[in-house]
């Protein structure tokens, strides 16, 4: 997988592929691991944002998998008052989510789609394909534009133009050669973005 990513993305020193270089794998553990804190990225942060939206009616977080200022502020409200939070979670650090708390309260929100205006992937399932909508599709569109000059509107609608741009990227010489040399990522399919591939993109976008 590492070699596939390196080969399919690096050309002339410029990232030109869809899978985002070897840093997708290299940074996966550090960005997606515990504790979750400002700067963390990935599906676990997306689950935290879903949790906070449900627990805190004023949070109104965009479920984008990025532990940003808004996510930090919402999590600090959840911990308030921190002195009281420490009584239940003596190893807690203000502004951070440890693994024990996550597994008890947040883990159930992994991969959940609630259909709210802030939620991603309105059709509720992977793979992303024609007809999918949401923030996840926006990420794919942005990466296609950045790496393949696709000229797509970043509107979150997986329409025929997005499908065509994705297929063109997947059929590029570099990606096809990498597939022959190193095999395919989990769930890889032409014209679609699997959950596993999306998680890699999300963690390192």
Protein backbone atom coordinates (compact mmCIF):
# COMPACT_ATOMS: atom_id res chain seq x y z
CA UNK A 1 0.00 0.00 0.00
CA UNK A 2 2.81 2.43 0.88
CA UNK A 3 4.58 1.84 -2.43
CA UNK A 4 1.32 2.08 -4.33
CA UNK A 5 0.64 5.49 -2.80
CA UNK A 6 4.16 6.72 -3.47
CA UNK A 7 4.11 5.58 -7.08
CA UNK A 8 0.63 6.79 -7.91
CA UNK A 9 1.16 10.26 -6.48
CA UNK A 10 4.71 11.38 -7.04
CA UNK A 11 5.68 12.71 -10.43
CA UNK A 12 8.41 15.25 -11.00
CA UNK A 13 8.37 16.16 -7.33
CA UNK A 14 4.69 17.18 -7.46
CA UNK A 15 1.74 15.32 -5.97
CA UNK A 16 -0.44 14.44 -8.95
CA UNK A 17 -2.43 11.40 -7.86
CA UNK A 18 -5.56 10.82 -5.86
CA UNK A 19 -4.27 8.98 -2.76
CA UNK A 20 -2.07 11.70 -1.17
CA UNK A 21 1.51 10.38 -1.00
CA UNK A 22 3.14 8.16 1.56
CA UNK A 23 2.16 10.58 4.33
CA UNK A 24 -1.29 9.04 4.22
CA UNK A 25 0.21 5.98 5.88
CA UNK A 26 3.06 7.66 7.71
CA UNK A 27 0.80 10.15 9.50
CA UNK A 28 -2.20 7.91 9.96
CA UNK A 29 -1.37 6.76 13.45
CA UNK A 30 -0.17 10.12 14.78
CA UNK A 31 -3.11 12.12 13.40
CA UNK A 32 -5.81 9.58 14.07
CA UNK A 33 -4.60 8.22 17.41
CA UNK A 34 -5.17 9.18 21.03
CA UNK A 35 -5.48 11.53 22.69
CA UNK A 36 -7.68 13.40 20.25
CA UNK A 37 -6.77 17.08 20.43
CA UNK A 38 -6.53 20.20 18.31
CA UNK A 39 -4.90 19.23 15.03
CA UNK A 40 -6.08 15.61 15.13
CA UNK A 41 -7.87 14.35 12.03
CA UNK A 42 -9.78 11.31 10.92
CA UNK A 43 -12.89 9.22 11.48
CA UNK A 44 -12.51 9.33 15.27
CA UNK A 45 -12.68 13.12 15.22
CA UNK A 46 -15.74 12.92 12.96
CA UNK A 47 -17.35 10.60 15.53
CA UNK A 48 -16.50 13.10 18.29
CA UNK A 49 -18.14 15.88 16.29
CA UNK A 50 -21.30 13.81 15.87
CA UNK A 51 -21.30 13.12 19.61
CA UNK A 52 -20.84 16.78 20.47
CA UNK A 53 -23.59 17.87 18.10
CA UNK A 54 -25.97 15.54 19.89
CA UNK A 55 -24.84 16.35 23.43
CA UNK A 56 -24.43 20.11 22.96
CA UNK A 57 -27.31 21.76 21.15
CA UNK A 58 -25.25 24.88 20.53
CA UNK A 59 -22.25 23.05 19.01
CA UNK A 60 -23.51 22.97 15.40
CA UNK A 61 -20.21 21.46 14.26
CA UNK A 62 -19.41 20.58 10.71
CA UNK A 63 -18.60 16.87 10.68
CA UNK A 64 -15.36 17.11 8.74
CA UNK A 65 -13.01 14.97 10.82
CA UNK A 66 -10.77 17.92 11.73
CA UNK A 67 -10.23 18.83 15.38
CA UNK A 68 -10.42 22.59 14.82
CA UNK A 69 -11.13 25.58 17.07
CA UNK A 70 -14.88 25.01 17.03
CA UNK A 71 -14.48 21.34 17.96
CA UNK A 72 -12.07 22.27 20.76
CA UNK A 73 -14.50 24.84 22.15
CA UNK A 74 -17.39 22.37 22.08
CA UNK A 75 -15.30 19.69 23.78
CA UNK A 76 -14.18 22.11 26.50
CA UNK A 77 -17.82 22.90 27.18
CA UNK A 78 -18.40 19.17 27.57
CA UNK A 79 -15.59 19.02 30.12
CA UNK A 80 -16.79 22.09 32.06
CA UNK A 81 -16.20 22.54 34.90
CA UNK A 82 -12.93 20.76 34.37
CA UNK A 83 -12.40 20.22 38.10
CA UNK A 84 -15.65 18.26 38.21
CA UNK A 85 -14.74 16.35 35.04
CA UNK A 86 -11.49 15.28 36.69
CA UNK A 87 -13.40 13.61 39.51
CA UNK A 88 -14.82 11.11 37.03
CA UNK A 89 -11.82 11.07 34.71
CA UNK A 90 -8.70 11.64 36.85
CA UNK A 91 -6.32 11.14 33.92
CA UNK A 92 -8.09 13.70 31.74
CA UNK A 93 -6.31 16.61 30.10
CA UNK A 94 -8.29 19.76 29.37
CA UNK A 95 -9.11 20.03 25.68
CA UNK A 96 -8.17 16.43 24.91
CA UNK A 97 -10.20 13.23 24.50
CA UNK A 98 -8.57 10.11 25.90
CA UNK A 99 -9.17 6.60 24.66
CA UNK A 100 -11.19 5.44 27.66
CA UNK A 101 -13.73 8.26 27.37
CA UNK A 102 -13.90 7.81 23.61
CA UNK A 103 -14.59 4.09 23.82
CA UNK A 104 -17.31 4.56 26.43
CA UNK A 105 -19.23 7.50 24.97
CA UNK A 106 -18.07 8.37 21.45
CA UNK A 107 -17.18 5.15 19.63
CA UNK A 108 -20.81 4.38 18.84
CA UNK A 109 -20.86 7.45 16.57
CA UNK A 110 -18.24 6.05 14.21
CA UNK A 111 -19.64 5.81 10.69
CA UNK A 112 -23.07 7.08 11.78
CA UNK A 113 -25.01 9.33 9.43
CA UNK A 114 -27.75 11.38 11.02
CA UNK A 115 -28.86 13.25 7.91
CA UNK A 116 -28.43 16.68 9.48
CA UNK A 117 -27.34 19.72 7.53
CA UNK A 118 -23.89 19.40 9.07
CA UNK A 119 -23.46 15.68 8.40
CA UNK A 120 -21.46 14.19 5.55
CA UNK A 121 -22.41 11.52 3.04
CA UNK A 122 -26.14 12.15 2.88
CA UNK A 123 -26.87 8.75 1.38
CA UNK A 124 -25.49 7.17 4.56
CA UNK A 125 -23.18 4.58 3.02
CA UNK A 126 -19.89 4.04 1.27
CA UNK A 127 -18.64 3.79 -1.36
CA UNK A 128 -19.08 7.35 -2.53
CA UNK A 129 -20.51 7.22 -6.03
CA UNK A 130 -22.88 9.04 -8.34
CA UNK A 131 -25.76 10.37 -6.25
CA UNK A 132 -23.75 10.71 -3.03
CA UNK A 133 -23.80 14.12 -1.36
CA UNK A 134 -22.04 15.91 1.47
CA UNK A 135 -18.72 17.06 2.84
CA UNK A 136 -17.05 13.79 1.89
CA UNK A 137 -17.82 14.40 -1.76
CA UNK A 138 -16.47 17.96 -1.46
CA UNK A 139 -13.14 16.55 -0.29
CA UNK A 140 -12.95 14.24 -3.30
CA UNK A 141 -13.83 17.09 -5.66
CA UNK A 142 -11.21 19.35 -4.14
CA UNK A 143 -8.52 16.69 -4.45
CA UNK A 144 -9.45 15.99 -8.06
CA UNK A 145 -9.14 19.69 -8.82
CA UNK A 146 -5.82 20.06 -7.00
CA UNK A 147 -4.18 16.94 -8.42
CA UNK A 148 -5.79 16.50 -11.83
CA UNK A 149 -7.01 20.00 -12.76
CA UNK A 150 -10.53 18.62 -13.10
CA UNK A 151 -12.23 22.01 -12.80
CA UNK A 152 -15.11 20.67 -10.73
CA UNK A 153 -17.41 22.87 -8.65
CA UNK A 154 -16.81 21.89 -5.02
CA UNK A 155 -20.50 21.55 -4.20
CA UNK A 156 -20.69 18.15 -2.49
CA UNK A 157 -22.81 16.60 -5.25
CA UNK A 158 -21.34 13.44 -6.79
CA UNK A 159 -22.73 14.13 -10.24
CA UNK A 160 -21.78 12.84 -13.68
CA UNK A 161 -18.94 15.37 -13.98
CA UNK A 162 -17.42 14.23 -10.67
CA UNK A 163 -17.77 10.60 -11.70
CA UNK A 164 -16.09 11.29 -15.05
CA UNK A 165 -13.24 13.19 -13.39
CA UNK A 166 -12.70 10.38 -10.88
CA UNK A 167 -12.67 7.74 -13.59
CA UNK A 168 -10.20 9.79 -15.63
CA UNK A 169 -7.91 10.03 -12.61
CA UNK A 170 -8.19 6.31 -11.91
CA UNK A 171 -7.44 5.54 -15.55
CA UNK A 172 -4.34 7.73 -15.62
CA UNK A 173 -1.14 5.94 -16.57
CA UNK A 174 0.42 6.53 -13.15
CA UNK A 175 -2.46 5.11 -11.14
CA UNK A 176 -3.04 2.15 -13.47
CA UNK A 177 0.65 1.28 -13.39
CA UNK A 178 0.70 1.50 -9.61
CA UNK A 179 -2.29 -0.83 -9.40
CA UNK A 180 -0.52 -3.40 -11.55
CA UNK A 181 2.66 -3.15 -9.52
CA UNK A 182 1.36 -2.96 -5.97
CA UNK A 183 -2.24 -4.18 -5.98
CA UNK A 184 -5.41 -2.35 -5.09
CA UNK A 185 -6.46 -0.66 -1.82
CA UNK A 186 -9.37 -2.18 0.07
CA UNK A 187 -12.66 -1.64 -1.71
CA UNK A 188 -11.06 0.03 -4.72
CA UNK A 189 -13.46 0.35 -7.65
CA UNK A 190 -13.60 2.50 -10.77
CA UNK A 191 -15.86 5.52 -10.36
CA UNK A 192 -16.16 5.06 -6.59
CA UNK A 193 -14.38 6.03 -3.36
CA UNK A 194 -14.39 3.32 -0.71
CA UNK A 195 -14.58 3.92 3.04
CA UNK A 196 -10.96 2.86 3.50
CA UNK A 197 -9.69 5.21 0.80
CA UNK A 198 -11.81 8.08 2.08
CA UNK A 199 -10.49 7.63 5.62
CA UNK A 200 -6.93 7.96 4.30
CA UNK A 201 -7.84 11.11 2.38
CA UNK A 202 -9.66 12.60 5.36
CA UNK A 203 -6.85 12.02 7.81
CA UNK A 204 -4.30 13.73 5.61
CA UNK A 205 -6.19 16.34 3.63
